[in-house]
N, C-alpha and C. Protein backbone atom coordinates (compact mmCIF):
# COMPACT_ATOMS: atom_id res chain seq x y z
N UNK A 1 71.47 90.82 -11.65
CA UNK A 1 71.87 90.93 -10.26
C UNK A 1 73.33 90.52 -10.12
N UNK A 2 74.09 91.26 -9.39
CA UNK A 2 75.50 90.98 -9.16
C UNK A 2 75.64 90.13 -7.89
N UNK A 3 76.25 88.98 -8.03
CA UNK A 3 76.45 88.09 -6.89
C UNK A 3 77.82 88.31 -6.30
N UNK A 4 77.89 88.36 -5.01
CA UNK A 4 79.17 88.42 -4.31
C UNK A 4 79.55 86.98 -3.99
N UNK A 5 80.61 86.48 -4.63
CA UNK A 5 80.95 85.06 -4.53
C UNK A 5 81.49 84.65 -3.18
N UNK A 6 81.58 85.56 -2.23
CA UNK A 6 82.03 85.19 -0.89
C UNK A 6 80.85 85.02 0.07
N UNK A 7 79.65 85.19 -0.42
CA UNK A 7 78.48 85.05 0.43
C UNK A 7 77.78 83.75 0.10
N UNK A 8 77.27 83.09 1.13
CA UNK A 8 76.71 81.76 0.95
C UNK A 8 75.55 81.72 -0.03
N UNK A 9 74.76 82.78 -0.15
CA UNK A 9 73.63 82.75 -1.07
C UNK A 9 74.05 82.84 -2.54
N UNK A 10 75.31 83.11 -2.79
CA UNK A 10 75.80 83.19 -4.16
C UNK A 10 76.08 81.82 -4.75
N UNK A 11 76.06 80.78 -3.94
CA UNK A 11 76.38 79.44 -4.40
C UNK A 11 75.12 78.66 -4.72
N UNK A 12 75.21 77.77 -5.71
CA UNK A 12 74.11 76.88 -6.06
C UNK A 12 74.27 75.61 -5.23
N UNK A 13 73.82 75.69 -4.00
CA UNK A 13 74.00 74.58 -3.05
C UNK A 13 73.25 73.34 -3.51
N UNK A 14 72.07 73.52 -4.10
CA UNK A 14 71.30 72.36 -4.57
C UNK A 14 72.06 71.62 -5.66
N UNK A 15 72.71 72.35 -6.55
CA UNK A 15 73.51 71.73 -7.61
C UNK A 15 74.73 71.02 -7.01
N UNK A 16 75.34 71.63 -6.02
CA UNK A 16 76.48 71.01 -5.35
C UNK A 16 76.08 69.69 -4.71
N UNK A 17 74.95 69.69 -4.02
CA UNK A 17 74.47 68.47 -3.35
C UNK A 17 74.16 67.39 -4.39
N UNK A 18 73.49 67.76 -5.47
CA UNK A 18 73.18 66.81 -6.53
C UNK A 18 74.45 66.23 -7.15
N UNK A 19 75.44 67.07 -7.37
CA UNK A 19 76.71 66.63 -7.94
C UNK A 19 77.43 65.68 -6.99
N UNK A 20 77.44 66.03 -5.71
CA UNK A 20 78.08 65.16 -4.71
C UNK A 20 77.37 63.81 -4.63
N UNK A 21 76.05 63.82 -4.67
CA UNK A 21 75.29 62.57 -4.62
C UNK A 21 75.63 61.69 -5.82
N UNK A 22 75.69 62.29 -7.00
CA UNK A 22 76.03 61.52 -8.20
C UNK A 22 77.43 60.92 -8.10
N UNK A 23 78.40 61.69 -7.65
CA UNK A 23 79.75 61.16 -7.49
C UNK A 23 79.79 60.03 -6.48
N UNK A 24 79.10 60.21 -5.36
CA UNK A 24 79.08 59.16 -4.34
C UNK A 24 78.37 57.91 -4.82
N UNK A 25 77.43 58.07 -5.78
CA UNK A 25 76.72 56.94 -6.36
C UNK A 25 77.48 56.30 -7.52
N UNK A 26 78.71 56.78 -7.77
CA UNK A 26 79.53 56.19 -8.81
C UNK A 26 79.28 56.73 -10.20
N UNK A 27 78.63 57.87 -10.31
CA UNK A 27 78.32 58.47 -11.61
C UNK A 27 79.28 59.62 -11.91
N UNK A 28 79.69 59.71 -13.17
CA UNK A 28 80.51 60.84 -13.60
C UNK A 28 79.64 62.08 -13.69
N UNK A 29 80.25 63.24 -13.48
CA UNK A 29 79.53 64.51 -13.55
C UNK A 29 80.31 65.49 -14.42
N UNK A 30 79.61 66.46 -14.95
CA UNK A 30 80.23 67.54 -15.71
C UNK A 30 80.11 68.82 -14.89
N UNK A 31 81.26 69.40 -14.55
CA UNK A 31 81.30 70.62 -13.76
C UNK A 31 81.52 71.79 -14.72
N UNK A 32 80.55 72.73 -14.79
CA UNK A 32 80.73 73.86 -15.70
C UNK A 32 81.82 74.80 -15.22
N UNK A 33 82.52 75.39 -16.18
CA UNK A 33 83.53 76.39 -15.84
C UNK A 33 82.81 77.68 -15.44
N UNK A 34 83.29 78.33 -14.39
CA UNK A 34 82.67 79.56 -13.91
C UNK A 34 83.42 80.76 -14.46
N UNK A 35 82.68 81.70 -15.00
CA UNK A 35 83.26 82.93 -15.54
C UNK A 35 83.16 84.02 -14.48
N UNK A 36 84.28 84.39 -13.89
CA UNK A 36 84.29 85.37 -12.80
C UNK A 36 83.98 86.78 -13.28
N UNK A 37 84.11 87.04 -14.58
CA UNK A 37 83.79 88.37 -15.09
C UNK A 37 82.29 88.56 -15.29
N UNK A 38 81.61 87.51 -15.78
CA UNK A 38 80.17 87.62 -16.01
C UNK A 38 79.35 87.06 -14.85
N UNK A 39 80.02 86.42 -13.89
CA UNK A 39 79.37 85.81 -12.74
C UNK A 39 78.38 84.72 -13.16
N UNK A 40 78.74 83.97 -14.20
CA UNK A 40 77.85 82.92 -14.69
C UNK A 40 78.67 81.67 -15.02
N UNK A 41 77.98 80.52 -14.99
CA UNK A 41 78.60 79.28 -15.44
C UNK A 41 78.65 79.27 -16.96
N UNK A 42 79.74 78.74 -17.48
CA UNK A 42 79.86 78.53 -18.92
C UNK A 42 79.45 77.08 -19.17
N UNK A 43 78.17 76.87 -19.44
CA UNK A 43 77.64 75.52 -19.55
C UNK A 43 78.24 74.75 -20.73
N UNK A 44 78.72 75.45 -21.75
CA UNK A 44 79.33 74.76 -22.88
C UNK A 44 80.78 74.39 -22.62
N UNK A 45 81.36 74.95 -21.57
CA UNK A 45 82.73 74.62 -21.19
C UNK A 45 82.68 73.96 -19.81
N UNK A 46 82.82 72.66 -19.82
CA UNK A 46 82.75 71.96 -18.54
C UNK A 46 83.89 70.95 -18.44
N UNK A 47 84.09 70.48 -17.24
CA UNK A 47 85.13 69.48 -16.98
C UNK A 47 84.45 68.22 -16.47
N UNK A 48 84.77 67.09 -17.08
CA UNK A 48 84.22 65.81 -16.66
C UNK A 48 84.98 65.34 -15.42
N UNK A 49 84.25 65.02 -14.37
CA UNK A 49 84.84 64.50 -13.14
C UNK A 49 84.28 63.10 -12.93
N UNK A 50 85.17 62.14 -12.84
CA UNK A 50 84.77 60.75 -12.64
C UNK A 50 84.70 60.43 -11.16
N UNK A 51 83.86 59.47 -10.79
CA UNK A 51 83.77 59.09 -9.38
C UNK A 51 85.09 58.49 -8.90
N UNK A 52 85.30 58.61 -7.61
CA UNK A 52 86.55 58.13 -7.01
C UNK A 52 86.28 57.74 -5.56
N UNK A 53 87.19 56.98 -4.99
CA UNK A 53 87.07 56.64 -3.57
C UNK A 53 87.25 57.87 -2.69
N UNK A 54 88.02 58.84 -3.19
CA UNK A 54 88.27 60.07 -2.44
C UNK A 54 87.83 61.25 -3.31
N UNK A 55 86.99 62.09 -2.73
CA UNK A 55 86.54 63.31 -3.41
C UNK A 55 86.94 64.48 -2.54
N UNK A 56 87.76 65.37 -3.09
CA UNK A 56 88.17 66.57 -2.36
C UNK A 56 87.26 67.71 -2.75
N UNK A 57 86.71 68.35 -1.76
CA UNK A 57 85.80 69.47 -1.96
C UNK A 57 86.34 70.63 -1.15
N UNK A 58 86.60 71.75 -1.81
CA UNK A 58 87.18 72.88 -1.09
C UNK A 58 86.40 74.14 -1.40
N UNK A 59 86.49 75.08 -0.48
CA UNK A 59 85.83 76.35 -0.68
C UNK A 59 85.75 77.13 0.61
N UNK A 60 85.61 78.44 0.47
CA UNK A 60 85.64 79.32 1.63
C UNK A 60 84.46 79.10 2.57
N UNK A 61 83.31 78.72 2.03
CA UNK A 61 82.11 78.51 2.86
C UNK A 61 81.56 77.10 2.72
N UNK A 62 82.44 76.14 2.46
CA UNK A 62 82.00 74.78 2.18
C UNK A 62 81.32 74.11 3.37
N UNK A 63 81.60 74.57 4.58
CA UNK A 63 80.98 73.98 5.76
C UNK A 63 79.70 74.69 6.18
N UNK A 64 79.25 75.68 5.42
CA UNK A 64 78.09 76.49 5.81
C UNK A 64 76.79 75.68 5.87
N UNK A 65 76.52 74.89 4.85
CA UNK A 65 75.26 74.16 4.75
C UNK A 65 75.38 72.80 5.42
N UNK A 66 74.48 72.52 6.34
CA UNK A 66 74.55 71.26 7.10
C UNK A 66 74.37 70.05 6.20
N UNK A 67 73.60 70.18 5.12
CA UNK A 67 73.39 69.04 4.21
C UNK A 67 74.70 68.66 3.52
N UNK A 68 75.49 69.64 3.17
CA UNK A 68 76.78 69.38 2.54
C UNK A 68 77.73 68.76 3.57
N UNK A 69 77.76 69.33 4.77
CA UNK A 69 78.62 68.78 5.83
C UNK A 69 78.31 67.32 6.12
N UNK A 70 77.02 66.97 6.14
CA UNK A 70 76.62 65.60 6.46
C UNK A 70 77.04 64.60 5.39
N UNK A 71 77.31 65.07 4.18
CA UNK A 71 77.74 64.17 3.11
C UNK A 71 79.24 63.87 3.19
N UNK A 72 79.95 64.59 4.01
CA UNK A 72 81.41 64.44 4.11
C UNK A 72 81.77 63.38 5.15
N UNK A 73 82.72 62.53 4.79
CA UNK A 73 83.23 61.54 5.74
C UNK A 73 84.30 62.13 6.63
N UNK A 74 85.01 63.12 6.11
CA UNK A 74 86.09 63.76 6.86
C UNK A 74 86.10 65.24 6.51
N UNK A 75 86.38 66.06 7.49
CA UNK A 75 86.44 67.50 7.27
C UNK A 75 87.78 68.03 7.78
N UNK A 76 88.40 68.86 6.97
CA UNK A 76 89.67 69.48 7.35
C UNK A 76 89.54 70.97 7.13
N UNK A 77 89.88 71.75 8.13
CA UNK A 77 89.88 73.20 8.02
C UNK A 77 91.32 73.67 8.11
N UNK A 78 91.76 74.44 7.12
CA UNK A 78 93.13 74.96 7.10
C UNK A 78 93.07 76.44 7.43
N UNK A 79 93.73 76.84 8.50
CA UNK A 79 93.77 78.24 8.91
C UNK A 79 95.13 78.81 8.52
N UNK A 80 95.11 79.99 7.93
CA UNK A 80 96.36 80.65 7.55
C UNK A 80 96.38 82.06 8.12
N UNK A 81 97.57 82.63 8.17
CA UNK A 81 97.73 83.99 8.66
C UNK A 81 96.97 84.97 7.77
N UNK A 82 96.53 86.07 8.36
CA UNK A 82 95.75 87.07 7.63
C UNK A 82 96.51 87.64 6.44
N UNK A 83 97.83 87.86 6.59
CA UNK A 83 98.60 88.42 5.47
C UNK A 83 98.70 87.44 4.31
N UNK A 84 98.78 86.16 4.61
CA UNK A 84 98.82 85.13 3.56
C UNK A 84 97.47 85.08 2.85
N UNK A 85 96.38 85.13 3.63
CA UNK A 85 95.04 85.13 3.03
C UNK A 85 94.85 86.33 2.11
N UNK A 86 95.30 87.51 2.56
CA UNK A 86 95.15 88.72 1.75
C UNK A 86 95.96 88.61 0.46
N UNK A 87 97.19 88.14 0.55
CA UNK A 87 98.03 87.99 -0.64
C UNK A 87 97.39 87.00 -1.62
N UNK A 88 96.85 85.91 -1.12
CA UNK A 88 96.18 84.94 -1.99
C UNK A 88 94.94 85.53 -2.63
N UNK A 89 94.18 86.30 -1.88
CA UNK A 89 92.96 86.92 -2.40
C UNK A 89 93.29 87.93 -3.49
N UNK A 90 94.32 88.74 -3.27
CA UNK A 90 94.72 89.72 -4.29
C UNK A 90 95.17 89.00 -5.56
N UNK A 91 95.97 87.95 -5.40
CA UNK A 91 96.43 87.19 -6.57
C UNK A 91 95.24 86.57 -7.28
N UNK A 92 94.34 85.97 -6.54
CA UNK A 92 93.17 85.33 -7.14
C UNK A 92 92.33 86.35 -7.91
N UNK A 93 92.08 87.49 -7.30
CA UNK A 93 91.23 88.50 -7.94
C UNK A 93 91.89 89.11 -9.17
N UNK A 94 93.20 89.35 -9.13
CA UNK A 94 93.88 90.02 -10.24
C UNK A 94 94.30 89.04 -11.34
N UNK A 95 94.94 87.95 -10.97
CA UNK A 95 95.48 87.02 -11.96
C UNK A 95 94.41 86.06 -12.47
N UNK A 96 93.71 85.39 -11.56
CA UNK A 96 92.77 84.36 -11.98
C UNK A 96 91.43 84.92 -12.43
N UNK A 97 90.99 86.02 -11.82
CA UNK A 97 89.67 86.57 -12.14
C UNK A 97 89.73 87.80 -13.03
N UNK A 98 90.94 88.31 -13.27
CA UNK A 98 91.10 89.44 -14.17
C UNK A 98 90.51 90.75 -13.67
N UNK A 99 90.48 90.93 -12.37
CA UNK A 99 89.93 92.15 -11.78
C UNK A 99 91.05 93.07 -11.32
N UNK A 100 90.72 94.34 -11.12
CA UNK A 100 91.67 95.30 -10.59
C UNK A 100 91.63 95.32 -9.07
N UNK A 101 92.62 95.93 -8.46
CA UNK A 101 92.69 96.01 -7.00
C UNK A 101 91.79 97.10 -6.46
N UNK A 102 91.70 98.21 -7.14
CA UNK A 102 90.97 99.37 -6.64
C UNK A 102 89.53 99.44 -6.93
């Protein structure tokens, strides 16, 4: 099944909540690298994230799930012009994700 990464059902919200809980409890976590070409996590390639007083969590739909929102002490929404968003999306899709425009 092909997941569209801009839709909320494409995210593993349960894993996100578990990861956030571990960080808030002072535990280090391993975040798997995501492969945008295969639409899968690379479980053998992960990044260790240590707990901290400040945890920054970002994403296009990060405020969608109320359980995630309730775990946040502060929320910041950054709004940008449509042309800036489009330019960033094209760059992200072509450079970072290795996809074509057409």
